[in-house]
C-alpha atoms as a PDB file:
ATOM      1  CA  UNK A   1      -6.847  53.136   1.059  1.00  0.00           C
ATOM      2  CA  UNK A   2     -10.500  53.323   0.174  1.00  0.00           C
ATOM      3  CA  UNK A   3     -11.640  55.848  -2.396  1.00  0.00           C
ATOM      4  CA  UNK A   4     -14.080  57.304   0.120  1.00  0.00           C
ATOM      5  CA  UNK A   5     -11.295  57.880   2.668  1.00  0.00           C
ATOM      6  CA  UNK A   6      -8.991  59.371   0.031  1.00  0.00           C
ATOM      7  CA  UNK A   7     -11.713  61.729  -1.208  1.00  0.00           C
ATOM      8  CA  UNK A   8     -12.539  62.888   2.315  1.00  0.00           C
ATOM      9  CA  UNK A   9      -8.853  63.490   3.060  1.00  0.00           C
ATOM     10  CA  UNK A  10      -8.552  65.533  -0.125  1.00  0.00           C
ATOM     11  CA  UNK A  11     -11.657  67.521   0.811  1.00  0.00           C
ATOM     12  CA  UNK A  12     -10.207  68.298   4.247  1.00  0.00           C
ATOM     13  CA  UNK A  13      -6.879  69.235   2.591  1.00  0.00           C
ATOM     14  CA  UNK A  14      -8.694  71.559   0.210  1.00  0.00           C
ATOM     15  CA  UNK A  15     -10.393  73.347   3.107  1.00  0.00           C
ATOM     16  CA  UNK A  16      -7.636  73.445   5.748  1.00  0.00           C
ATOM     17  CA  UNK A  17      -4.113  72.887   4.360  1.00  0.00           C
ATOM     18  CA  UNK A  18      -3.870  76.349   2.755  1.00  0.00           C
ATOM     19  CA  UNK A  19      -1.934  74.965  -0.168  1.00  0.00           C
ATOM     20  CA  UNK A  20      -0.932  77.408  -2.923  1.00  0.00           C
ATOM     21  CA  UNK A  21      -1.745  74.716  -5.505  1.00  0.00           C
ATOM     22  CA  UNK A  22      -4.968  72.889  -6.295  1.00  0.00           C
ATOM     23  CA  UNK A  23      -5.236  69.688  -4.263  1.00  0.00           C
ATOM     24  CA  UNK A  24      -6.483  67.850  -7.349  1.00  0.00           C
ATOM     25  CA  UNK A  25      -3.139  68.476  -9.092  1.00  0.00           C
ATOM     26  CA  UNK A  26      -1.282  66.505  -6.396  1.00  0.00           C
ATOM     27  CA  UNK A  27      -0.771  62.768  -6.426  1.00  0.00           C
ATOM     28  CA  UNK A  28      -1.481  60.683  -3.351  1.00  0.00           C
ATOM     29  CA  UNK A  29       2.256  60.344  -2.646  1.00  0.00           C
ATOM     30  CA  UNK A  30       3.227  63.965  -3.346  1.00  0.00           C
ATOM     31  CA  UNK A  31       4.856  65.804  -0.444  1.00  0.00           C
ATOM     32  CA  UNK A  32       2.333  68.302   0.920  1.00  0.00           C
ATOM     33  CA  UNK A  33       5.063  70.348   2.620  1.00  0.00           C
ATOM     34  CA  UNK A  34       6.996  70.617  -0.657  1.00  0.00           C
ATOM     35  CA  UNK A  35       3.701  71.707  -2.255  1.00  0.00           C
ATOM     36  CA  UNK A  36       3.555  74.624   0.192  1.00  0.00           C
ATOM     37  CA  UNK A  37       1.802  73.445   3.348  1.00  0.00           C
ATOM     38  CA  UNK A  38       3.192  75.177   6.429  1.00  0.00           C
ATOM     39  CA  UNK A  39       3.597  73.654   9.884  1.00  0.00           C
ATOM     40  CA  UNK A  40       0.784  75.926  11.124  1.00  0.00           C
ATOM     41  CA  UNK A  41      -1.508  74.685   8.358  1.00  0.00           C
ATOM     42  CA  UNK A  42      -0.585  71.084   9.241  1.00  0.00           C
ATOM     43  CA  UNK A  43      -1.927  71.644  12.761  1.00  0.00           C
ATOM     44  CA  UNK A  44      -5.186  72.995  11.319  1.00  0.00           C
ATOM     45  CA  UNK A  45      -5.269  69.988   8.994  1.00  0.00           C
ATOM     46  CA  UNK A  46      -4.743  67.566  11.887  1.00  0.00           C
ATOM     47  CA  UNK A  47      -7.617  69.089  13.866  1.00  0.00           C
ATOM     48  CA  UNK A  48      -9.913  69.003  10.844  1.00  0.00           C
ATOM     49  CA  UNK A  49      -8.981  65.368  10.135  1.00  0.00           C
ATOM     50  CA  UNK A  50      -9.762  64.454  13.739  1.00  0.00           C
ATOM     51  CA  UNK A  51     -13.217  65.984  13.337  1.00  0.00           C
ATOM     52  CA  UNK A  52     -13.853  64.477   9.906  1.00  0.00           C
ATOM     53  CA  UNK A  53     -12.833  60.928  10.882  1.00  0.00           C
ATOM     54  CA  UNK A  54     -13.800  61.034  14.566  1.00  0.00           C
ATOM     55  CA  UNK A  55     -10.279  60.073  15.676  1.00  0.00           C
ATOM     56  CA  UNK A  56      -7.588  61.584  17.873  1.00  0.00           C
ATOM     57  CA  UNK A  57      -3.972  61.523  16.793  1.00  0.00           C
ATOM     58  CA  UNK A  58      -1.802  60.293  19.704  1.00  0.00           C
ATOM     59  CA  UNK A  59       1.443  62.086  20.535  1.00  0.00           C
ATOM     60  CA  UNK A  60       3.495  59.425  18.740  1.00  0.00           C
ATOM     61  CA  UNK A  61       1.751  60.396  15.472  1.00  0.00           C
ATOM     62  CA  UNK A  62       2.351  64.123  15.780  1.00  0.00           C
ATOM     63  CA  UNK A  63       5.207  64.090  13.298  1.00  0.00           C
ATOM     64  CA  UNK A  64       5.731  65.662   9.930  1.00  0.00           C
ATOM     65  CA  UNK A  65       5.845  62.254   8.230  1.00  0.00           C
ATOM     66  CA  UNK A  66       2.273  61.402   9.247  1.00  0.00           C
ATOM     67  CA  UNK A  67       0.927  64.475   7.417  1.00  0.00           C
ATOM     68  CA  UNK A  68       3.276  64.723   4.445  1.00  0.00           C
ATOM     69  CA  UNK A  69       1.056  63.040   1.844  1.00  0.00           C
ATOM     70  CA  UNK A  70      -2.455  61.756   1.251  1.00  0.00           C
ATOM     71  CA  UNK A  71      -1.082  58.214   1.453  1.00  0.00           C
ATOM     72  CA  UNK A  72       0.606  58.855   4.818  1.00  0.00           C
ATOM     73  CA  UNK A  73      -2.515  60.500   6.244  1.00  0.00           C
ATOM     74  CA  UNK A  74      -4.704  57.633   5.033  1.00  0.00           C
ATOM     75  CA  UNK A  75      -2.360  55.076   6.610  1.00  0.00           C
ATOM     76  CA  UNK A  76      -2.450  56.904   9.948  1.00  0.00           C
ATOM     77  CA  UNK A  77      -6.238  57.199   9.877  1.00  0.00           C
ATOM     78  CA  UNK A  78      -6.487  53.550   8.888  1.00  0.00           C
ATOM     79  CA  UNK A  79      -4.361  52.597  11.878  1.00  0.00           C
ATOM     80  CA  UNK A  80      -6.442  54.745  14.223  1.00  0.00           C
ATOM     81  CA  UNK A  81      -9.776  53.457  12.973  1.00  0.00           C
ATOM     82  CA  UNK A  82      -8.575  49.838  13.047  1.00  0.00           C
ATOM     83  CA  UNK A  83      -7.449  50.317  16.650  1.00  0.00           C
ATOM     84  CA  UNK A  84     -10.748  51.906  17.590  1.00  0.00           C
ATOM     85  CA  UNK A  85     -12.736  49.172  15.858  1.00  0.00           C
ATOM     86  CA  UNK A  86     -10.563  46.474  17.380  1.00  0.00           C
ATOM     87  CA  UNK A  87     -10.947  47.790  20.920  1.00  0.00           C
ATOM     88  CA  UNK A  88     -14.685  48.430  20.813  1.00  0.00           C
ATOM     89  CA  UNK A  89     -15.858  44.817  21.169  1.00  0.00           C
ATOM     90  CA  UNK A  90     -13.404  43.896  23.922  1.00  0.00           C
ATOM     91  CA  UNK A  91     -13.954  47.018  25.982  1.00  0.00           C
ATOM     92  CA  UNK A  92     -17.703  46.706  25.548  1.00  0.00           C
ATOM     93  CA  UNK A  93     -17.705  43.138  26.837  1.00  0.00           C
ATOM     94  CA  UNK A  94     -15.725  43.821  30.013  1.00  0.00           C
ATOM     95  CA  UNK A  95     -17.339  45.078  33.209  1.00  0.00           C
END
């Protein structure tokens, strides 16, 4: 996970996860739900992450495990951006 991605995820968490603790006190692998994030806040977080990273989470990723830590979120975003990057050249070359 790049530092830039991790910092942006933490910024989005700070603004949208409605955690009762400071985001900076949590480690990358700490459970965000155990830290107080509600399922409603996780939906707000997902929408904000989609905007921040210009991605869309597919139905298969709409699970608690994808949003339970900074590390899990970064892995999901990494997968989505790799897929997007990987498809761009091939779809651009076909007519």
